[in-house]
Amino acid sequence: MTDSKPRRRKDSGVGAWLAELRTQAGLSQAEVARRMGIDASAVWQLEAGWNDFRMSTLDRYTTAIGARVHIGLVDQAHTGPQEKRPWNPNSPAAPSPR
């Protein structure tokens, strides 16, 4: 017997943060779902931390709430625990593309 119920993953907090941004934008889950062209239950699952989602889903969600995605990487090997510098592809220390 196959369980069709989505499995809960360890939530990184991204879903709760997205829900907060949606609420600040004054939008309901139903309205975000309508703008994304998906069922409202899928928005609930995303915000509740069910399942992993693709970057394309995150992009569609943020577009629906009037936000944009900005991803930063931290090179922890070259920073101390107190200092976290965002990765800059234009810095001299950045690896060259292959």
N, C-alpha and C. Protein backbone atom coordinates (compact mmCIF):
# COMPACT_ATOMS: atom_id res chain seq x y z
N MET A 1 0.85 -1.18 0.00
CA MET A 1 0.00 0.00 0.00
C MET A 1 0.90 1.24 0.00
N THR A 2 0.63 2.17 -0.88
CA THR A 2 1.42 3.38 -0.99
C THR A 2 0.72 4.52 -0.27
N ASP A 3 1.48 5.23 0.53
CA ASP A 3 0.94 6.38 1.25
C ASP A 3 1.09 7.60 0.37
N SER A 4 -0.01 8.19 -0.07
CA SER A 4 0.06 9.35 -0.96
C SER A 4 0.22 10.66 -0.20
N LYS A 5 0.17 10.59 1.12
CA LYS A 5 0.33 11.80 1.93
C LYS A 5 1.78 12.28 1.85
N PRO A 6 2.00 13.58 1.63
CA PRO A 6 3.38 14.07 1.56
C PRO A 6 4.11 13.85 2.87
N ARG A 7 5.39 13.59 2.77
CA ARG A 7 6.19 13.38 3.97
C ARG A 7 6.76 14.70 4.44
N ARG A 8 6.69 14.89 5.73
CA ARG A 8 7.22 16.12 6.31
C ARG A 8 8.74 16.02 6.36
N ARG A 9 9.38 17.06 5.91
CA ARG A 9 10.83 17.13 5.98
C ARG A 9 11.23 18.05 7.11
N LYS A 10 12.50 18.05 7.44
CA LYS A 10 12.98 18.99 8.44
C LYS A 10 12.85 20.39 7.84
N ASP A 11 12.02 21.21 8.44
CA ASP A 11 11.74 22.54 7.90
C ASP A 11 12.90 23.47 8.19
N SER A 12 13.39 24.12 7.15
CA SER A 12 14.50 25.06 7.30
C SER A 12 14.02 26.43 7.74
N GLY A 13 12.71 26.61 7.84
CA GLY A 13 12.16 27.90 8.21
C GLY A 13 11.79 28.76 7.02
N VAL A 14 12.13 28.30 5.82
CA VAL A 14 11.85 29.09 4.61
C VAL A 14 10.34 29.24 4.43
N GLY A 15 9.59 28.17 4.65
CA GLY A 15 8.15 28.23 4.47
C GLY A 15 7.49 29.26 5.37
N ALA A 16 7.90 29.28 6.63
CA ALA A 16 7.35 30.26 7.58
C ALA A 16 7.72 31.68 7.17
N TRP A 17 8.93 31.84 6.67
CA TRP A 17 9.37 33.16 6.22
C TRP A 17 8.56 33.61 5.00
N LEU A 18 8.30 32.67 4.08
CA LEU A 18 7.48 33.00 2.91
C LEU A 18 6.05 33.38 3.33
N ALA A 19 5.50 32.63 4.30
CA ALA A 19 4.16 32.93 4.79
C ALA A 19 4.11 34.33 5.40
N GLU A 20 5.17 34.70 6.12
CA GLU A 20 5.22 36.03 6.72
C GLU A 20 5.26 37.12 5.63
N LEU A 21 6.07 36.89 4.59
CA LEU A 21 6.12 37.85 3.49
C LEU A 21 4.77 37.97 2.79
N ARG A 22 4.10 36.82 2.61
CA ARG A 22 2.77 36.82 1.97
C ARG A 22 1.79 37.63 2.80
N THR A 23 1.81 37.41 4.12
CA THR A 23 0.91 38.12 5.02
C THR A 23 1.19 39.62 4.98
N GLN A 24 2.47 39.99 4.98
CA GLN A 24 2.84 41.41 4.90
C GLN A 24 2.37 42.04 3.59
N ALA A 25 2.29 41.23 2.54
CA ALA A 25 1.81 41.73 1.25
C ALA A 25 0.29 41.81 1.21
N GLY A 26 -0.37 41.32 2.27
CA GLY A 26 -1.83 41.37 2.35
C GLY A 26 -2.52 40.36 1.46
N LEU A 27 -1.86 39.23 1.19
CA LEU A 27 -2.41 38.22 0.30
C LEU A 27 -2.79 36.96 1.05
N SER A 28 -3.83 36.31 0.60
CA SER A 28 -4.23 35.02 1.17
C SER A 28 -3.50 33.90 0.41
N GLN A 29 -3.50 32.72 1.00
CA GLN A 29 -2.93 31.56 0.31
C GLN A 29 -3.70 31.30 -0.98
N ALA A 30 -5.01 31.49 -0.94
CA ALA A 30 -5.83 31.26 -2.13
C ALA A 30 -5.45 32.22 -3.26
N GLU A 31 -5.18 33.48 -2.92
CA GLU A 31 -4.80 34.45 -3.94
C GLU A 31 -3.43 34.14 -4.52
N VAL A 32 -2.50 33.73 -3.68
CA VAL A 32 -1.17 33.36 -4.18
C VAL A 32 -1.30 32.14 -5.09
N ALA A 33 -2.10 31.17 -4.67
CA ALA A 33 -2.31 29.97 -5.49
C ALA A 33 -2.92 30.35 -6.84
N ARG A 34 -3.89 31.25 -6.84
CA ARG A 34 -4.51 31.68 -8.10
C ARG A 34 -3.47 32.32 -9.01
N ARG A 35 -2.63 33.18 -8.44
CA ARG A 35 -1.59 33.86 -9.23
C ARG A 35 -0.56 32.88 -9.78
N MET A 36 -0.30 31.80 -9.01
CA MET A 36 0.67 30.80 -9.44
C MET A 36 0.07 29.75 -10.36
N GLY A 37 -1.27 29.69 -10.39
CA GLY A 37 -1.94 28.69 -11.21
C GLY A 37 -1.90 27.30 -10.60
N ILE A 38 -1.92 27.24 -9.25
CA ILE A 38 -1.89 25.96 -8.55
C ILE A 38 -3.02 25.91 -7.52
N ASP A 39 -3.18 24.77 -6.89
CA ASP A 39 -4.18 24.60 -5.84
C ASP A 39 -3.68 25.24 -4.54
N ALA A 40 -4.60 25.80 -3.77
CA ALA A 40 -4.24 26.46 -2.51
C ALA A 40 -3.57 25.50 -1.54
N SER A 41 -3.89 24.22 -1.61
CA SER A 41 -3.25 23.25 -0.71
C SER A 41 -1.75 23.15 -0.98
N ALA A 42 -1.33 23.39 -2.21
CA ALA A 42 0.10 23.36 -2.54
C ALA A 42 0.82 24.53 -1.89
N VAL A 43 0.17 25.69 -1.81
CA VAL A 43 0.76 26.85 -1.13
C VAL A 43 0.86 26.55 0.36
N TRP A 44 -0.18 25.93 0.92
CA TRP A 44 -0.15 25.57 2.34
C TRP A 44 1.01 24.62 2.61
N GLN A 45 1.19 23.60 1.76
CA GLN A 45 2.27 22.64 1.95
C GLN A 45 3.64 23.31 1.88
N LEU A 46 3.79 24.25 0.96
CA LEU A 46 5.05 24.98 0.83
C LEU A 46 5.35 25.77 2.10
N GLU A 47 4.36 26.51 2.57
CA GLU A 47 4.55 27.34 3.75
C GLU A 47 4.68 26.53 5.04
N ALA A 48 4.06 25.36 5.07
CA ALA A 48 4.10 24.51 6.27
C ALA A 48 5.37 23.67 6.36
N GLY A 49 6.18 23.67 5.30
CA GLY A 49 7.41 22.90 5.32
C GLY A 49 7.25 21.47 4.85
N TRP A 50 6.19 21.18 4.11
CA TRP A 50 5.99 19.84 3.56
C TRP A 50 6.71 19.80 2.22
N ASN A 51 7.43 18.71 2.00
CA ASN A 51 8.12 18.48 0.73
C ASN A 51 9.18 19.54 0.44
N ASP A 52 10.10 19.16 -0.39
CA ASP A 52 11.09 20.11 -0.90
C ASP A 52 10.48 20.78 -2.12
N PHE A 53 10.94 21.95 -2.41
CA PHE A 53 10.41 22.63 -3.59
C PHE A 53 11.56 23.04 -4.49
N ARG A 54 11.24 23.25 -5.74
CA ARG A 54 12.23 23.65 -6.74
C ARG A 54 12.42 25.16 -6.70
N MET A 55 13.54 25.58 -7.24
CA MET A 55 13.80 27.02 -7.35
C MET A 55 12.74 27.68 -8.23
N SER A 56 12.28 26.98 -9.25
CA SER A 56 11.25 27.55 -10.13
C SER A 56 9.96 27.80 -9.35
N THR A 57 9.65 26.93 -8.39
CA THR A 57 8.46 27.12 -7.55
C THR A 57 8.66 28.33 -6.65
N LEU A 58 9.84 28.45 -6.06
CA LEU A 58 10.14 29.60 -5.22
C LEU A 58 10.06 30.89 -6.03
N ASP A 59 10.55 30.87 -7.25
CA ASP A 59 10.50 32.04 -8.12
C ASP A 59 9.04 32.41 -8.43
N ARG A 60 8.22 31.43 -8.74
CA ARG A 60 6.80 31.70 -9.02
C ARG A 60 6.08 32.24 -7.79
N TYR A 61 6.40 31.69 -6.62
CA TYR A 61 5.79 32.14 -5.37
C TYR A 61 6.16 33.59 -5.10
N THR A 62 7.45 33.89 -5.17
CA THR A 62 7.88 35.26 -4.86
C THR A 62 7.33 36.26 -5.88
N THR A 63 7.24 35.86 -7.13
CA THR A 63 6.63 36.73 -8.14
C THR A 63 5.17 36.99 -7.78
N ALA A 64 4.47 35.95 -7.32
CA ALA A 64 3.05 36.09 -6.96
C ALA A 64 2.84 37.04 -5.80
N ILE A 65 3.82 37.14 -4.89
CA ILE A 65 3.65 38.04 -3.73
C ILE A 65 4.35 39.38 -3.93
N GLY A 66 4.94 39.57 -5.11
CA GLY A 66 5.59 40.85 -5.40
C GLY A 66 6.98 40.97 -4.82
N ALA A 67 7.67 39.85 -4.69
CA ALA A 67 9.03 39.84 -4.16
C ALA A 67 9.95 39.22 -5.20
N ARG A 68 11.21 39.11 -4.88
CA ARG A 68 12.15 38.43 -5.77
C ARG A 68 13.11 37.60 -4.95
N VAL A 69 13.71 36.62 -5.58
CA VAL A 69 14.65 35.72 -4.92
C VAL A 69 16.05 36.31 -5.03
N HIS A 70 16.77 36.31 -3.92
CA HIS A 70 18.17 36.70 -3.91
C HIS A 70 18.90 35.66 -3.07
N ILE A 71 19.85 34.97 -3.68
CA ILE A 71 20.56 33.90 -2.99
C ILE A 71 21.99 34.34 -2.73
N GLY A 72 22.43 34.15 -1.51
CA GLY A 72 23.81 34.46 -1.16
C GLY A 72 24.50 33.23 -0.62
N LEU A 73 25.77 33.09 -0.93
CA LEU A 73 26.58 31.99 -0.42
C LEU A 73 27.64 32.56 0.52
N VAL A 74 27.95 31.81 1.55
CA VAL A 74 28.95 32.24 2.52
C VAL A 74 30.11 31.27 2.47
N ASP A 75 31.30 31.78 2.27
CA ASP A 75 32.51 30.97 2.28
C ASP A 75 32.98 30.88 3.73
N GLN A 76 32.58 29.83 4.42
CA GLN A 76 32.89 29.69 5.84
C GLN A 76 34.35 29.34 6.08
N ALA A 77 35.06 28.87 5.06
CA ALA A 77 36.46 28.52 5.23
C ALA A 77 37.33 29.76 5.39
N HIS A 78 36.88 30.90 4.87
CA HIS A 78 37.69 32.11 4.91
C HIS A 78 37.12 33.19 5.82
N THR A 79 36.14 32.84 6.61
CA THR A 79 35.59 33.80 7.56
C THR A 79 35.53 33.15 8.93
N GLY A 80 35.66 33.95 9.94
CA GLY A 80 35.55 33.45 11.30
C GLY A 80 34.09 33.24 11.67
N PRO A 81 33.84 32.62 12.81
CA PRO A 81 32.45 32.38 13.21
C PRO A 81 31.68 33.67 13.45
N GLN A 82 32.37 34.76 13.75
CA GLN A 82 31.69 36.04 14.00
C GLN A 82 31.39 36.78 12.71
N GLU A 83 32.22 36.57 11.70
CA GLU A 83 32.11 37.34 10.47
C GLU A 83 31.63 36.46 9.33
N LYS A 84 30.55 36.83 8.70
CA LYS A 84 30.02 36.11 7.55
C LYS A 84 29.92 37.08 6.39
N ARG A 85 30.75 36.87 5.39
CA ARG A 85 30.73 37.74 4.22
C ARG A 85 29.99 37.04 3.09
N PRO A 86 29.10 37.74 2.39
CA PRO A 86 28.45 37.11 1.25
C PRO A 86 29.46 36.82 0.15
N TRP A 87 29.24 35.75 -0.57
CA TRP A 87 30.11 35.39 -1.68
C TRP A 87 29.92 36.38 -2.80
N ASN A 88 31.00 36.87 -3.34
CA ASN A 88 30.96 37.84 -4.43
C ASN A 88 31.71 37.24 -5.61
N PRO A 89 31.00 36.94 -6.72
CA PRO A 89 31.67 36.31 -7.85
C PRO A 89 32.71 37.22 -8.51
N ASN A 90 32.69 38.51 -8.20
CA ASN A 90 33.63 39.45 -8.80
C ASN A 90 34.86 39.69 -7.93
N SER A 91 34.90 39.08 -6.75
CA SER A 91 36.04 39.32 -5.87
C SER A 91 37.26 38.56 -6.38
N PRO A 92 38.46 39.04 -6.08
CA PRO A 92 39.67 38.35 -6.54
C PRO A 92 39.79 36.94 -5.97
N ALA A 93 39.16 36.67 -4.83
CA ALA A 93 39.25 35.36 -4.20
C ALA A 93 38.26 34.36 -4.79
N ALA A 94 37.35 34.81 -5.64
CA ALA A 94 36.36 33.91 -6.22
C ALA A 94 37.01 32.96 -7.21
N PRO A 95 36.58 31.70 -7.19
CA PRO A 95 37.16 30.76 -8.15
C PRO A 95 36.79 31.14 -9.57
N SER A 96 37.69 30.88 -10.49
CA SER A 96 37.40 31.22 -11.89
C SER A 96 36.48 30.16 -12.49
N PRO A 97 35.56 30.59 -13.37
CA PRO A 97 34.65 29.61 -13.99
C PRO A 97 35.43 28.64 -14.87
N ARG A 98 34.95 27.41 -14.95
CA ARG A 98 35.64 26.40 -15.78
C ARG A 98 35.05 26.35 -17.15
